[in-house]
C-alpha atoms as a PDB file:
ATOM      1  CA  UNK A   1    -170.460  33.913  90.603  1.00  0.00           C
ATOM      2  CA  UNK A   2    -170.882  30.981  88.244  1.00  0.00           C
ATOM      3  CA  UNK A   3    -172.824  31.132  84.998  1.00  0.00           C
ATOM      4  CA  UNK A   4    -174.531  27.788  85.726  1.00  0.00           C
ATOM      5  CA  UNK A   5    -174.940  25.888  88.988  1.00  0.00           C
ATOM      6  CA  UNK A   6    -176.911  22.645  88.976  1.00  0.00           C
ATOM      7  CA  UNK A   7    -177.502  20.491  92.030  1.00  0.00           C
ATOM      8  CA  UNK A   8    -179.215  17.087  92.197  1.00  0.00           C
ATOM      9  CA  UNK A   9    -180.984  17.607  88.863  1.00  0.00           C
ATOM     10  CA  UNK A  10    -183.308  14.860  87.667  1.00  0.00           C
ATOM     11  CA  UNK A  11    -185.622  14.281  84.729  1.00  0.00           C
ATOM     12  CA  UNK A  12    -188.029  11.406  84.240  1.00  0.00           C
ATOM     13  CA  UNK A  13    -189.875  10.506  81.074  1.00  0.00           C
ATOM     14  CA  UNK A  14    -192.472   8.121  82.413  1.00  0.00           C
ATOM     15  CA  UNK A  15    -190.543   5.242  83.996  1.00  0.00           C
ATOM     16  CA  UNK A  16    -187.286   6.208  82.289  1.00  0.00           C
ATOM     17  CA  UNK A  17    -184.882   8.404  84.247  1.00  0.00           C
ATOM     18  CA  UNK A  18    -182.895  10.424  81.718  1.00  0.00           C
ATOM     19  CA  UNK A  19    -181.037  12.575  84.279  1.00  0.00           C
ATOM     20  CA  UNK A  20    -180.321  11.262  87.762  1.00  0.00           C
ATOM     21  CA  UNK A  21    -179.018  13.518  90.539  1.00  0.00           C
ATOM     22  CA  UNK A  22    -176.715  15.539  88.291  1.00  0.00           C
ATOM     23  CA  UNK A  23    -174.414  18.262  89.649  1.00  0.00           C
ATOM     24  CA  UNK A  24    -172.777  20.728  87.260  1.00  0.00           C
ATOM     25  CA  UNK A  25    -170.859  24.011  87.547  1.00  0.00           C
ATOM     26  CA  UNK A  26    -170.020  26.317  84.632  1.00  0.00           C
ATOM     27  CA  UNK A  27    -167.753  29.245  85.609  1.00  0.00           C
ATOM     28  CA  UNK A  28    -168.078  32.703  84.083  1.00  0.00           C
ATOM     29  CA  UNK A  29    -166.093  33.038  80.875  1.00  0.00           C
ATOM     30  CA  UNK A  30    -165.758  29.280  80.377  1.00  0.00           C
ATOM     31  CA  UNK A  31    -166.116  27.144  77.292  1.00  0.00           C
ATOM     32  CA  UNK A  32    -167.582  24.117  79.026  1.00  0.00           C
ATOM     33  CA  UNK A  33    -167.243  20.910  77.025  1.00  0.00           C
ATOM     34  CA  UNK A  34    -170.210  18.702  77.911  1.00  0.00           C
ATOM     35  CA  UNK A  35    -169.345  15.116  77.018  1.00  0.00           C
ATOM     36  CA  UNK A  36    -171.181  11.813  77.077  1.00  0.00           C
ATOM     37  CA  UNK A  37    -172.425   8.882  75.045  1.00  0.00           C
ATOM     38  CA  UNK A  38    -175.648   9.013  73.052  1.00  0.00           C
ATOM     39  CA  UNK A  39    -178.517   8.759  75.515  1.00  0.00           C
ATOM     40  CA  UNK A  40    -176.378   9.873  78.475  1.00  0.00           C
ATOM     41  CA  UNK A  41    -178.601  12.881  79.209  1.00  0.00           C
ATOM     42  CA  UNK A  42    -176.627  15.746  77.623  1.00  0.00           C
ATOM     43  CA  UNK A  43    -179.381  17.196  75.442  1.00  0.00           C
ATOM     44  CA  UNK A  44    -181.993  16.683  78.166  1.00  0.00           C
ATOM     45  CA  UNK A  45    -179.810  18.612  80.617  1.00  0.00           C
ATOM     46  CA  UNK A  46    -179.242  21.404  78.111  1.00  0.00           C
ATOM     47  CA  UNK A  47    -182.972  21.695  77.451  1.00  0.00           C
ATOM     48  CA  UNK A  48    -183.669  21.962  81.187  1.00  0.00           C
ATOM     49  CA  UNK A  49    -181.014  24.678  81.556  1.00  0.00           C
ATOM     50  CA  UNK A  50    -182.754  26.629  78.784  1.00  0.00           C
ATOM     51  CA  UNK A  51    -186.240  26.024  80.182  1.00  0.00           C
ATOM     52  CA  UNK A  52    -187.339  24.108  77.074  1.00  0.00           C
ATOM     53  CA  UNK A  53    -188.487  21.171  79.199  1.00  0.00           C
ATOM     54  CA  UNK A  54    -189.366  21.121  82.925  1.00  0.00           C
ATOM     55  CA  UNK A  55    -187.139  19.366  85.438  1.00  0.00           C
ATOM     56  CA  UNK A  56    -188.443  16.577  87.646  1.00  0.00           C
ATOM     57  CA  UNK A  57    -186.335  17.635  90.600  1.00  0.00           C
ATOM     58  CA  UNK A  58    -183.234  19.493  91.713  1.00  0.00           C
ATOM     59  CA  UNK A  59    -181.975  23.055  91.358  1.00  0.00           C
ATOM     60  CA  UNK A  60    -180.809  24.969  88.274  1.00  0.00           C
ATOM     61  CA  UNK A  61    -179.339  28.413  88.883  1.00  0.00           C
ATOM     62  CA  UNK A  62    -178.059  30.863  86.286  1.00  0.00           C
ATOM     63  CA  UNK A  63    -175.942  33.704  87.619  1.00  0.00           C
ATOM     64  CA  UNK A  64    -177.150  32.891  91.124  1.00  0.00           C
ATOM     65  CA  UNK A  65    -180.865  32.998  90.266  1.00  0.00           C
ATOM     66  CA  UNK A  66    -183.393  30.287  89.508  1.00  0.00           C
ATOM     67  CA  UNK A  67    -183.351  29.435  85.801  1.00  0.00           C
ATOM     68  CA  UNK A  68    -187.069  30.298  85.508  1.00  0.00           C
ATOM     69  CA  UNK A  69    -186.390  33.917  86.514  1.00  0.00           C
ATOM     70  CA  UNK A  70    -187.222  36.097  83.496  1.00  0.00           C
ATOM     71  CA  UNK A  71    -184.178  38.320  84.084  1.00  0.00           C
ATOM     72  CA  UNK A  72    -181.795  35.397  83.574  1.00  0.00           C
ATOM     73  CA  UNK A  73    -183.844  33.615  80.908  1.00  0.00           C
ATOM     74  CA  UNK A  74    -183.210  36.670  78.744  1.00  0.00           C
ATOM     75  CA  UNK A  75    -179.453  36.059  79.059  1.00  0.00           C
ATOM     76  CA  UNK A  76    -179.517  32.654  77.332  1.00  0.00           C
ATOM     77  CA  UNK A  77    -178.823  32.011  73.654  1.00  0.00           C
ATOM     78  CA  UNK A  78    -179.615  28.523  72.378  1.00  0.00           C
ATOM     79  CA  UNK A  79    -178.700  26.291  69.447  1.00  0.00           C
ATOM     80  CA  UNK A  80    -180.159  22.840  69.989  1.00  0.00           C
ATOM     81  CA  UNK A  81    -180.658  20.539  66.988  1.00  0.00           C
ATOM     82  CA  UNK A  82    -180.908  23.184  64.239  1.00  0.00           C
ATOM     83  CA  UNK A  83    -181.587  26.931  63.875  1.00  0.00           C
ATOM     84  CA  UNK A  84    -185.193  27.869  63.182  1.00  0.00           C
ATOM     85  CA  UNK A  85    -184.638  29.573  59.841  1.00  0.00           C
ATOM     86  CA  UNK A  86    -186.851  30.032  56.787  1.00  0.00           C
ATOM     87  CA  UNK A  87    -185.108  28.162  53.981  1.00  0.00           C
ATOM     88  CA  UNK A  88    -186.235  30.507  51.190  1.00  0.00           C
ATOM     89  CA  UNK A  89    -185.117  33.688  52.950  1.00  0.00           C
ATOM     90  CA  UNK A  90    -181.637  35.139  52.961  1.00  0.00           C
ATOM     91  CA  UNK A  91    -179.330  34.945  55.957  1.00  0.00           C
ATOM     92  CA  UNK A  92    -179.855  38.670  56.484  1.00  0.00           C
ATOM     93  CA  UNK A  93    -183.655  38.448  56.399  1.00  0.00           C
ATOM     94  CA  UNK A  94    -183.678  35.511  58.823  1.00  0.00           C
ATOM     95  CA  UNK A  95    -181.479  37.452  61.214  1.00  0.00           C
ATOM     96  CA  UNK A  96    -183.607  40.580  60.959  1.00  0.00           C
ATOM     97  CA  UNK A  97    -186.793  38.599  61.605  1.00  0.00           C
ATOM     98  CA  UNK A  98    -185.284  37.093  64.749  1.00  0.00           C
ATOM     99  CA  UNK A  99    -184.020  40.512  65.832  1.00  0.00           C
ATOM    100  CA  UNK A 100    -187.554  41.906  65.457  1.00  0.00           C
ATOM    101  CA  UNK A 101    -188.934  38.947  67.408  1.00  0.00           C
ATOM    102  CA  UNK A 102    -186.524  39.682  70.277  1.00  0.00           C
ATOM    103  CA  UNK A 103    -187.030  43.440  70.130  1.00  0.00           C
ATOM    104  CA  UNK A 104    -183.357  44.109  69.439  1.00  0.00           C
ATOM    105  CA  UNK A 105    -182.554  47.823  69.317  1.00  0.00           C
ATOM    106  CA  UNK A 106    -180.622  49.157  66.321  1.00  0.00           C
ATOM    107  CA  UNK A 107    -181.162  45.755  64.698  1.00  0.00           C
ATOM    108  CA  UNK A 108    -179.274  46.391  61.453  1.00  0.00           C
ATOM    109  CA  UNK A 109    -176.095  47.439  63.245  1.00  0.00           C
ATOM    110  CA  UNK A 110    -176.360  44.480  65.627  1.00  0.00           C
ATOM    111  CA  UNK A 111    -176.914  41.957  62.833  1.00  0.00           C
ATOM    112  CA  UNK A 112    -173.877  43.309  60.961  1.00  0.00           C
ATOM    113  CA  UNK A 113    -171.766  42.977  64.124  1.00  0.00           C
ATOM    114  CA  UNK A 114    -172.882  39.408  64.840  1.00  0.00           C
ATOM    115  CA  UNK A 115    -172.471  38.212  61.251  1.00  0.00           C
ATOM    116  CA  UNK A 116    -168.921  39.523  61.382  1.00  0.00           C
ATOM    117  CA  UNK A 117    -168.343  37.666  64.669  1.00  0.00           C
ATOM    118  CA  UNK A 118    -169.359  34.333  63.085  1.00  0.00           C
ATOM    119  CA  UNK A 119    -167.463  35.034  59.828  1.00  0.00           C
ATOM    120  CA  UNK A 120    -170.673  35.278  57.777  1.00  0.00           C
ATOM    121  CA  UNK A 121    -170.644  38.942  56.749  1.00  0.00           C
ATOM    122  CA  UNK A 122    -169.882  38.009  53.143  1.00  0.00           C
ATOM    123  CA  UNK A 123    -172.822  35.593  52.914  1.00  0.00           C
ATOM    124  CA  UNK A 124    -175.620  37.782  54.271  1.00  0.00           C
ATOM    125  CA  UNK A 125    -177.423  37.778  50.916  1.00  0.00           C
ATOM    126  CA  UNK A 126    -177.307  33.974  50.489  1.00  0.00           C
ATOM    127  CA  UNK A 127    -180.537  32.077  50.832  1.00  0.00           C
ATOM    128  CA  UNK A 128    -180.440  29.852  53.898  1.00  0.00           C
ATOM    129  CA  UNK A 129    -181.235  26.730  51.856  1.00  0.00           C
ATOM    130  CA  UNK A 130    -178.153  27.313  49.696  1.00  0.00           C
ATOM    131  CA  UNK A 131    -175.744  27.564  52.636  1.00  0.00           C
ATOM    132  CA  UNK A 132    -173.327  24.751  53.471  1.00  0.00           C
ATOM    133  CA  UNK A 133    -173.653  22.799  56.712  1.00  0.00           C
ATOM    134  CA  UNK A 134    -170.805  24.744  58.278  1.00  0.00           C
ATOM    135  CA  UNK A 135    -172.428  28.036  57.318  1.00  0.00           C
ATOM    136  CA  UNK A 136    -175.772  26.882  58.762  1.00  0.00           C
ATOM    137  CA  UNK A 137    -174.069  25.993  62.034  1.00  0.00           C
ATOM    138  CA  UNK A 138    -172.570  29.485  62.217  1.00  0.00           C
ATOM    139  CA  UNK A 139    -175.936  31.030  61.328  1.00  0.00           C
ATOM    140  CA  UNK A 140    -177.407  29.109  64.252  1.00  0.00           C
ATOM    141  CA  UNK A 141    -174.803  30.590  66.568  1.00  0.00           C
ATOM    142  CA  UNK A 142    -175.454  34.040  65.099  1.00  0.00           C
ATOM    143  CA  UNK A 143    -179.180  33.622  65.837  1.00  0.00           C
ATOM    144  CA  UNK A 144    -178.313  32.549  69.388  1.00  0.00           C
ATOM    145  CA  UNK A 145    -176.144  35.663  69.849  1.00  0.00           C
ATOM    146  CA  UNK A 146    -178.986  38.050  69.047  1.00  0.00           C
ATOM    147  CA  UNK A 147    -180.202  39.879  72.130  1.00  0.00           C
ATOM    148  CA  UNK A 148    -176.702  39.969  73.685  1.00  0.00           C
ATOM    149  CA  UNK A 149    -176.929  36.765  75.770  1.00  0.00           C
ATOM    150  CA  UNK A 150    -174.188  36.045  78.291  1.00  0.00           C
ATOM    151  CA  UNK A 151    -174.713  32.265  78.234  1.00  0.00           C
ATOM    152  CA  UNK A 152    -174.768  30.188  75.054  1.00  0.00           C
ATOM    153  CA  UNK A 153    -175.953  26.569  75.045  1.00  0.00           C
ATOM    154  CA  UNK A 154    -174.815  24.811  71.866  1.00  0.00           C
ATOM    155  CA  UNK A 155    -175.701  21.205  71.079  1.00  0.00           C
ATOM    156  CA  UNK A 156    -173.254  19.515  68.678  1.00  0.00           C
ATOM    157  CA  UNK A 157    -172.268  22.637  66.663  1.00  0.00           C
ATOM    158  CA  UNK A 158    -169.164  20.862  65.279  1.00  0.00           C
ATOM    159  CA  UNK A 159    -170.980  17.940  63.678  1.00  0.00           C
ATOM    160  CA  UNK A 160    -170.471  17.397  59.970  1.00  0.00           C
ATOM    161  CA  UNK A 161    -167.924  20.171  59.459  1.00  0.00           C
ATOM    162  CA  UNK A 162    -164.885  19.858  57.209  1.00  0.00           C
ATOM    163  CA  UNK A 163    -161.405  20.839  58.398  1.00  0.00           C
ATOM    164  CA  UNK A 164    -161.816  24.504  57.423  1.00  0.00           C
ATOM    165  CA  UNK A 165    -165.260  24.632  59.001  1.00  0.00           C
ATOM    166  CA  UNK A 166    -163.813  23.228  62.221  1.00  0.00           C
ATOM    167  CA  UNK A 167    -161.103  25.869  62.261  1.00  0.00           C
ATOM    168  CA  UNK A 168    -163.584  28.690  61.734  1.00  0.00           C
ATOM    169  CA  UNK A 169    -165.913  27.334  64.417  1.00  0.00           C
ATOM    170  CA  UNK A 170    -163.031  27.131  66.916  1.00  0.00           C
ATOM    171  CA  UNK A 171    -162.165  30.751  66.172  1.00  0.00           C
ATOM    172  CA  UNK A 172    -165.792  31.804  66.594  1.00  0.00           C
ATOM    173  CA  UNK A 173    -166.175  30.074  69.973  1.00  0.00           C
ATOM    174  CA  UNK A 174    -162.948  31.507  71.386  1.00  0.00           C
ATOM    175  CA  UNK A 175    -163.830  35.003  70.120  1.00  0.00           C
ATOM    176  CA  UNK A 176    -167.218  34.864  71.855  1.00  0.00           C
ATOM    177  CA  UNK A 177    -165.718  34.314  75.332  1.00  0.00           C
ATOM    178  CA  UNK A 178    -162.481  36.282  75.004  1.00  0.00           C
ATOM    179  CA  UNK A 179    -163.782  39.268  76.998  1.00  0.00           C
ATOM    180  CA  UNK A 180    -164.702  36.976  79.922  1.00  0.00           C
ATOM    181  CA  UNK A 181    -168.312  38.196  79.951  1.00  0.00           C
ATOM    182  CA  UNK A 182    -169.856  35.253  78.126  1.00  0.00           C
ATOM    183  CA  UNK A 183    -169.876  31.537  78.862  1.00  0.00           C
ATOM    184  CA  UNK A 184    -170.577  28.621  76.528  1.00  0.00           C
ATOM    185  CA  UNK A 185    -171.894  25.141  77.249  1.00  0.00           C
ATOM    186  CA  UNK A 186    -171.061  23.068  74.175  1.00  0.00           C
ATOM    187  CA  UNK A 187    -171.674  19.363  73.651  1.00  0.00           C
ATOM    188  CA  UNK A 188    -169.786  17.414  71.014  1.00  0.00           C
ATOM    189  CA  UNK A 189    -168.678  13.897  70.122  1.00  0.00           C
ATOM    190  CA  UNK A 190    -165.624  15.324  68.354  1.00  0.00           C
ATOM    191  CA  UNK A 191    -163.439  15.327  71.428  1.00  0.00           C
ATOM    192  CA  UNK A 192    -160.183  16.122  69.639  1.00  0.00           C
ATOM    193  CA  UNK A 193    -161.694  19.345  68.316  1.00  0.00           C
ATOM    194  CA  UNK A 194    -163.382  20.157  71.609  1.00  0.00           C
ATOM    195  CA  UNK A 195    -160.062  19.859  73.423  1.00  0.00           C
ATOM    196  CA  UNK A 196    -158.665  22.683  71.297  1.00  0.00           C
ATOM    197  CA  UNK A 197    -161.145  25.228  72.701  1.00  0.00           C
ATOM    198  CA  UNK A 198    -162.642  24.009  75.989  1.00  0.00           C
ATOM    199  CA  UNK A 199    -161.494  25.510  79.274  1.00  0.00           C
ATOM    200  CA  UNK A 200    -163.618  23.180  81.422  1.00  0.00           C
ATOM    201  CA  UNK A 201    -165.188  19.742  80.997  1.00  0.00           C
ATOM    202  CA  UNK A 202    -168.103  17.781  82.378  1.00  0.00           C
ATOM    203  CA  UNK A 203    -168.450  14.085  81.598  1.00  0.00           C
ATOM    204  CA  UNK A 204    -171.910  12.580  82.012  1.00  0.00           C
ATOM    205  CA  UNK A 205    -172.883   8.902  82.012  1.00  0.00           C
ATOM    206  CA  UNK A 206    -176.343   7.382  82.513  1.00  0.00           C
ATOM    207  CA  UNK A 207    -177.670  10.769  83.609  1.00  0.00           C
ATOM    208  CA  UNK A 208    -175.009  11.325  86.287  1.00  0.00           C
ATOM    209  CA  UNK A 209    -172.010  13.636  86.257  1.00  0.00           C
ATOM    210  CA  UNK A 210    -169.009  11.380  86.761  1.00  0.00           C
ATOM    211  CA  UNK A 211    -166.254  13.966  86.367  1.00  0.00           C
ATOM    212  CA  UNK A 212    -165.755  17.738  86.112  1.00  0.00           C
ATOM    213  CA  UNK A 213    -162.342  19.281  85.514  1.00  0.00           C
ATOM    214  CA  UNK A 214    -160.496  22.232  84.059  1.00  0.00           C
ATOM    215  CA  UNK A 215    -158.354  21.942  80.934  1.00  0.00           C
ATOM    216  CA  UNK A 216    -155.248  22.126  83.150  1.00  0.00           C
ATOM    217  CA  UNK A 217    -156.536  19.297  85.342  1.00  0.00           C
ATOM    218  CA  UNK A 218    -157.228  17.196  82.251  1.00  0.00           C
ATOM    219  CA  UNK A 219    -153.669  17.794  81.067  1.00  0.00           C
ATOM    220  CA  UNK A 220    -152.324  16.723  84.454  1.00  0.00           C
ATOM    221  CA  UNK A 221    -154.495  13.572  84.466  1.00  0.00           C
ATOM    222  CA  UNK A 222    -153.595  12.441  80.954  1.00  0.00           C
ATOM    223  CA  UNK A 223    -150.916   9.761  81.069  1.00  0.00           C
ATOM    224  CA  UNK A 224    -147.609  10.151  79.271  1.00  0.00           C
ATOM    225  CA  UNK A 225    -146.380   7.193  77.237  1.00  0.00           C
ATOM    226  CA  UNK A 226    -143.409   6.121  75.151  1.00  0.00           C
ATOM    227  CA  UNK A 227    -144.248   5.187  71.555  1.00  0.00           C
ATOM    228  CA  UNK A 228    -141.915   3.292  69.263  1.00  0.00           C
ATOM    229  CA  UNK A 229    -141.493   1.329  66.068  1.00  0.00           C
ATOM    230  CA  UNK A 230    -138.997  -1.506  65.706  1.00  0.00           C
ATOM    231  CA  UNK A 231    -137.771  -3.744  62.923  1.00  0.00           C
ATOM    232  CA  UNK A 232    -139.481  -6.739  64.533  1.00  0.00           C
ATOM    233  CA  UNK A 233    -142.700  -5.273  65.907  1.00  0.00           C
ATOM    234  CA  UNK A 234    -144.322  -8.505  67.093  1.00  0.00           C
ATOM    235  CA  UNK A 235    -141.260  -9.621  69.064  1.00  0.00           C
ATOM    236  CA  UNK A 236    -140.715  -6.090  70.448  1.00  0.00           C
ATOM    237  CA  UNK A 237    -144.310  -6.006  71.685  1.00  0.00           C
ATOM    238  CA  UNK A 238    -143.964  -9.462  73.231  1.00  0.00           C
ATOM    239  CA  UNK A 239    -140.748  -8.545  75.036  1.00  0.00           C
ATOM    240  CA  UNK A 240    -142.137  -5.243  76.323  1.00  0.00           C
ATOM    241  CA  UNK A 241    -145.308  -6.999  77.465  1.00  0.00           C
ATOM    242  CA  UNK A 242    -143.201  -9.265  79.662  1.00  0.00           C
ATOM    243  CA  UNK A 243    -141.488  -6.316  81.370  1.00  0.00           C
ATOM    244  CA  UNK A 244    -144.168  -3.617  81.553  1.00  0.00           C
ATOM    245  CA  UNK A 245    -147.757  -3.794  82.801  1.00  0.00           C
ATOM    246  CA  UNK A 246    -149.470  -1.920  79.965  1.00  0.00           C
ATOM    247  CA  UNK A 247    -148.249  -2.250  76.395  1.00  0.00           C
ATOM    248  CA  UNK A 248    -150.560  -1.567  73.440  1.00  0.00           C
ATOM    249  CA  UNK A 249    -150.377  -1.042  69.690  1.00  0.00           C
ATOM    250  CA  UNK A 250    -152.237   2.042  68.439  1.00  0.00           C
ATOM    251  CA  UNK A 251    -153.958   2.821  65.132  1.00  0.00           C
ATOM    252  CA  UNK A 252    -150.747   4.330  63.725  1.00  0.00           C
ATOM    253  CA  UNK A 253    -148.992   1.008  64.456  1.00  0.00           C
ATOM    254  CA  UNK A 254    -146.794   2.380  67.226  1.00  0.00           C
ATOM    255  CA  UNK A 255    -146.164   0.264  70.300  1.00  0.00           C
ATOM    256  CA  UNK A 256    -147.088   2.296  73.383  1.00  0.00           C
ATOM    257  CA  UNK A 257    -145.632   1.712  76.831  1.00  0.00           C
ATOM    258  CA  UNK A 258    -147.642   3.485  79.529  1.00  0.00           C
ATOM    259  CA  UNK A 259    -145.556   2.590  82.585  1.00  0.00           C
ATOM    260  CA  UNK A 260    -143.414   5.256  84.233  1.00  0.00           C
ATOM    261  CA  UNK A 261    -140.211   4.678  82.324  1.00  0.00           C
ATOM    262  CA  UNK A 262    -137.734   6.467  80.075  1.00  0.00           C
ATOM    263  CA  UNK A 263    -137.175   6.049  76.335  1.00  0.00           C
ATOM    264  CA  UNK A 264    -133.535   5.229  77.067  1.00  0.00           C
ATOM    265  CA  UNK A 265    -134.505   2.346  79.333  1.00  0.00           C
ATOM    266  CA  UNK A 266    -136.788   0.854  76.668  1.00  0.00           C
ATOM    267  CA  UNK A 267    -134.202   1.195  73.887  1.00  0.00           C
ATOM    268  CA  UNK A 268    -131.510  -0.392  76.080  1.00  0.00           C
ATOM    269  CA  UNK A 269    -133.830  -3.269  77.019  1.00  0.00           C
ATOM    270  CA  UNK A 270    -134.824  -4.004  73.427  1.00  0.00           C
ATOM    271  CA  UNK A 271    -131.283  -3.637  72.085  1.00  0.00           C
ATOM    272  CA  UNK A 272    -130.080  -6.059  74.721  1.00  0.00           C
ATOM    273  CA  UNK A 273    -132.588  -8.555  73.328  1.00  0.00           C
ATOM    274  CA  UNK A 274    -131.520  -8.050  69.716  1.00  0.00           C
ATOM    275  CA  UNK A 275    -134.314  -5.637  68.723  1.00  0.00           C
ATOM    276  CA  UNK A 276    -133.434  -2.431  66.822  1.00  0.00           C
ATOM    277  CA  UNK A 277    -135.693   0.568  67.504  1.00  0.00           C
ATOM    278  CA  UNK A 278    -136.195   2.644  64.349  1.00  0.00           C
ATOM    279  CA  UNK A 279    -138.525   5.349  65.716  1.00  0.00           C
ATOM    280  CA  UNK A 280    -139.107   6.648  69.226  1.00  0.00           C
ATOM    281  CA  UNK A 281    -141.123   9.442  70.844  1.00  0.00           C
ATOM    282  CA  UNK A 282    -142.915  10.414  74.037  1.00  0.00           C
ATOM    283  CA  UNK A 283    -146.475  11.700  73.971  1.00  0.00           C
ATOM    284  CA  UNK A 284    -149.544  12.147  76.123  1.00  0.00           C
ATOM    285  CA  UNK A 285    -153.063  10.804  75.655  1.00  0.00           C
ATOM    286  CA  UNK A 286    -155.708  13.342  74.636  1.00  0.00           C
ATOM    287  CA  UNK A 287    -159.271  13.986  75.763  1.00  0.00           C
ATOM    288  CA  UNK A 288    -160.686  11.245  73.546  1.00  0.00           C
ATOM    289  CA  UNK A 289    -158.479   8.509  74.977  1.00  0.00           C
ATOM    290  CA  UNK A 290    -158.965   9.825  78.519  1.00  0.00           C
ATOM    291  CA  UNK A 291    -162.728   9.696  78.012  1.00  0.00           C
ATOM    292  CA  UNK A 292    -162.631   6.177  76.557  1.00  0.00           C
ATOM    293  CA  UNK A 293    -160.529   4.951  79.502  1.00  0.00           C
ATOM    294  CA  UNK A 294    -162.950   6.594  81.934  1.00  0.00           C
ATOM    295  CA  UNK A 295    -165.912   4.892  80.277  1.00  0.00           C
ATOM    296  CA  UNK A 296    -164.148   1.515  80.430  1.00  0.00           C
ATOM    297  CA  UNK A 297    -163.566   1.938  84.154  1.00  0.00           C
ATOM    298  CA  UNK A 298    -167.297   2.453  84.728  1.00  0.00           C
ATOM    299  CA  UNK A 299    -168.510  -0.558  82.758  1.00  0.00           C
END
């Protein structure tokens, strides 16, 4: 059974169609990276999954039941935009208020457990308004975890975090699903960070799902390339461009050759034309470059 199954989902806001015939499948235990440009329909889809806005058409099932079924609605934890916390109250008091609102049994013990899960046990006494952005993001996830949901829907939880905040958030997300009983739908524009935790991906464009894949399938689809630096970069690039179909220079000022070839062949070719290679490596494009290439193909 899948955590989420969506078929032919649509949403209209007046004459504007925000989601158009979208299909989506989130397996149990997955961290599902939901990717798309601004305005592509990600947040609208997430809100329909959670029942925050009504759909215009299509089917949304959670654990095999309609998403409006009260028994499955109770299994969803949500962080969309920002957590609804009182700024003047402590983290602990905000958590206890939400626990009371949800009727959580043995609330104190549960709040302690969840704060430990999100690495916030040492900041329980801090006022919410004094917490850093990274702490607030983790508080939002902690709020979403109250009530023992099995599906979390998180909208841009990585935004604005520093390197340490990113690391902690990655640990939190992987800890949440490690027992295989919970699933996470997480949207983010930080694709390099998302690639470090996601087990599945869905790429949406203009309200349509254009691609779904597992992390292993992404790895298989990402092209390998040879990257090099030479003493005469401009001439090396010109020569390689005459022999190979795709040659580019990246932000780190490496020349990349994407054709199926070997480093030895490239070095021999350049050396034969009087070019000395001073650095050479093979690598593979990541999620961000794969996504950018996919978007270019659809334009």
